[in-house]
């Protein structure tokens, strides 16, 4: 498991990232993630505007469309999160 070196110099981050074995860059900051969550992250990482990687936080779990607890950057795209009232109406 690779040590997470991000953050303040000298900080003791208790989470470490580990790459998921794919051609797309997915980092996992959790000790265990379900296979369906990993598949959602892999599908997200394949999108052409997702850059530089998809990160799964320690609380990541299966969600509608994308795993809850997923963080990613984009190039040339803005993806708003639905509000609670929008999600409840769906």
C-alpha atoms as a PDB file:
ATOM      1  CA  UNK A   1       0.000   0.000   0.000  1.00  0.00           C
ATOM      2  CA  UNK A   2       1.438   3.348  -1.053  1.00  0.00           C
ATOM      3  CA  UNK A   3       1.761   6.085   1.526  1.00  0.00           C
ATOM      4  CA  UNK A   4      -0.324   9.176   0.870  1.00  0.00           C
ATOM      5  CA  UNK A   5       2.096  12.098   0.718  1.00  0.00           C
ATOM      6  CA  UNK A   6      -0.503  14.790   0.048  1.00  0.00           C
ATOM      7  CA  UNK A   7      -1.373  17.399   2.645  1.00  0.00           C
ATOM      8  CA  UNK A   8       0.701  19.491   4.966  1.00  0.00           C
ATOM      9  CA  UNK A   9       4.383  18.646   5.272  1.00  0.00           C
ATOM     10  CA  UNK A  10       4.960  16.477   8.314  1.00  0.00           C
ATOM     11  CA  UNK A  11       1.281  15.660   8.766  1.00  0.00           C
ATOM     12  CA  UNK A  12       0.337  12.141   9.826  1.00  0.00           C
ATOM     13  CA  UNK A  13      -2.393  11.095   7.396  1.00  0.00           C
ATOM     14  CA  UNK A  14      -3.954   7.858   8.602  1.00  0.00           C
ATOM     15  CA  UNK A  15      -5.295   7.003   5.148  1.00  0.00           C
ATOM     16  CA  UNK A  16      -3.141   5.810   2.292  1.00  0.00           C
ATOM     17  CA  UNK A  17      -4.109   5.571  -1.330  1.00  0.00           C
ATOM     18  CA  UNK A  18      -3.827   2.491  -3.466  1.00  0.00           C
ATOM     19  CA  UNK A  19      -4.349   2.343  -7.196  1.00  0.00           C
ATOM     20  CA  UNK A  20      -7.071   0.099  -8.574  1.00  0.00           C
ATOM     21  CA  UNK A  21      -5.787  -2.306 -11.235  1.00  0.00           C
ATOM     22  CA  UNK A  22      -7.209  -0.643 -14.374  1.00  0.00           C
ATOM     23  CA  UNK A  23      -5.996   1.401 -17.308  1.00  0.00           C
ATOM     24  CA  UNK A  24      -7.745   4.395 -15.766  1.00  0.00           C
ATOM     25  CA  UNK A  25      -6.496   6.209 -12.713  1.00  0.00           C
ATOM     26  CA  UNK A  26      -8.569   5.442  -9.616  1.00  0.00           C
ATOM     27  CA  UNK A  27      -7.208   5.950  -6.101  1.00  0.00           C
ATOM     28  CA  UNK A  28      -8.819   4.346  -3.068  1.00  0.00           C
ATOM     29  CA  UNK A  29      -8.465   5.930   0.367  1.00  0.00           C
ATOM     30  CA  UNK A  30     -10.232   3.111   2.203  1.00  0.00           C
ATOM     31  CA  UNK A  31      -9.276  -0.259   3.610  1.00  0.00           C
ATOM     32  CA  UNK A  32     -12.257  -1.967   1.920  1.00  0.00           C
ATOM     33  CA  UNK A  33     -14.487  -0.999  -1.005  1.00  0.00           C
ATOM     34  CA  UNK A  34     -17.190  -3.197  -2.515  1.00  0.00           C
ATOM     35  CA  UNK A  35     -16.649  -4.447  -6.061  1.00  0.00           C
ATOM     36  CA  UNK A  36     -19.705  -2.578  -7.382  1.00  0.00           C
ATOM     37  CA  UNK A  37     -18.271   0.703  -6.039  1.00  0.00           C
ATOM     38  CA  UNK A  38     -14.949  -0.023  -7.743  1.00  0.00           C
ATOM     39  CA  UNK A  39     -16.784  -0.693 -11.010  1.00  0.00           C
ATOM     40  CA  UNK A  40     -18.647   2.627 -10.721  1.00  0.00           C
ATOM     41  CA  UNK A  41     -15.328   4.423 -10.186  1.00  0.00           C
ATOM     42  CA  UNK A  42     -13.774   2.653 -13.187  1.00  0.00           C
ATOM     43  CA  UNK A  43     -16.715   3.665 -15.394  1.00  0.00           C
ATOM     44  CA  UNK A  44     -16.396   7.259 -14.215  1.00  0.00           C
ATOM     45  CA  UNK A  45     -12.639   7.291 -14.818  1.00  0.00           C
ATOM     46  CA  UNK A  46     -13.217   6.245 -18.458  1.00  0.00           C
ATOM     47  CA  UNK A  47     -15.100   9.466 -19.231  1.00  0.00           C
ATOM     48  CA  UNK A  48     -12.985  11.754 -21.452  1.00  0.00           C
ATOM     49  CA  UNK A  49     -13.399  14.871 -19.273  1.00  0.00           C
ATOM     50  CA  UNK A  50     -12.402  13.242 -15.955  1.00  0.00           C
ATOM     51  CA  UNK A  51      -8.867  14.310 -15.033  1.00  0.00           C
ATOM     52  CA  UNK A  52      -6.456  13.576 -13.402  1.00  0.00           C
ATOM     53  CA  UNK A  53      -8.054  10.728 -11.419  1.00  0.00           C
ATOM     54  CA  UNK A  54     -11.050   9.453  -9.503  1.00  0.00           C
ATOM     55  CA  UNK A  55     -10.655   9.120  -5.741  1.00  0.00           C
ATOM     56  CA  UNK A  56     -12.782   6.936  -3.477  1.00  0.00           C
ATOM     57  CA  UNK A  57     -12.977   8.259   0.073  1.00  0.00           C
ATOM     58  CA  UNK A  58     -13.129   5.983   3.158  1.00  0.00           C
ATOM     59  CA  UNK A  59     -16.935   6.244   3.275  1.00  0.00           C
ATOM     60  CA  UNK A  60     -17.463   5.393  -0.429  1.00  0.00           C
ATOM     61  CA  UNK A  61     -20.519   3.284  -1.145  1.00  0.00           C
ATOM     62  CA  UNK A  62     -22.755   2.389  -4.081  1.00  0.00           C
ATOM     63  CA  UNK A  63     -24.865   5.218  -5.454  1.00  0.00           C
ATOM     64  CA  UNK A  64     -27.134   6.087  -8.356  1.00  0.00           C
ATOM     65  CA  UNK A  65     -24.883   6.926 -11.318  1.00  0.00           C
ATOM     66  CA  UNK A  66     -21.737   7.457  -9.297  1.00  0.00           C
ATOM     67  CA  UNK A  67     -20.539   6.056  -6.000  1.00  0.00           C
ATOM     68  CA  UNK A  68     -21.216   8.252  -2.970  1.00  0.00           C
ATOM     69  CA  UNK A  69     -17.857   9.366  -1.565  1.00  0.00           C
ATOM     70  CA  UNK A  70     -16.303   9.830  -5.018  1.00  0.00           C
ATOM     71  CA  UNK A  71     -14.132  12.843  -5.782  1.00  0.00           C
ATOM     72  CA  UNK A  72     -12.789  13.724  -9.228  1.00  0.00           C
ATOM     73  CA  UNK A  73     -11.569  16.641 -11.272  1.00  0.00           C
ATOM     74  CA  UNK A  74     -12.734  17.579 -14.744  1.00  0.00           C
ATOM     75  CA  UNK A  75     -11.397  19.374 -17.784  1.00  0.00           C
ATOM     76  CA  UNK A  76     -13.861  21.486 -19.767  1.00  0.00           C
ATOM     77  CA  UNK A  77     -16.873  20.270 -17.798  1.00  0.00           C
ATOM     78  CA  UNK A  78     -18.854  21.264 -14.740  1.00  0.00           C
ATOM     79  CA  UNK A  79     -20.972  18.572 -13.102  1.00  0.00           C
ATOM     80  CA  UNK A  80     -23.340  19.956 -10.481  1.00  0.00           C
ATOM     81  CA  UNK A  81     -24.431  17.700  -7.657  1.00  0.00           C
ATOM     82  CA  UNK A  82     -28.200  17.304  -7.371  1.00  0.00           C
ATOM     83  CA  UNK A  83     -29.783  18.956  -4.374  1.00  0.00           C
ATOM     84  CA  UNK A  84     -31.647  16.884  -1.809  1.00  0.00           C
ATOM     85  CA  UNK A  85     -35.003  18.085  -3.131  1.00  0.00           C
ATOM     86  CA  UNK A  86     -34.032  17.146  -6.710  1.00  0.00           C
ATOM     87  CA  UNK A  87     -32.819  13.704  -5.618  1.00  0.00           C
ATOM     88  CA  UNK A  88     -36.003  13.013  -3.653  1.00  0.00           C
ATOM     89  CA  UNK A  89     -38.161  13.896  -6.664  1.00  0.00           C
ATOM     90  CA  UNK A  90     -36.374  11.438  -8.955  1.00  0.00           C
END
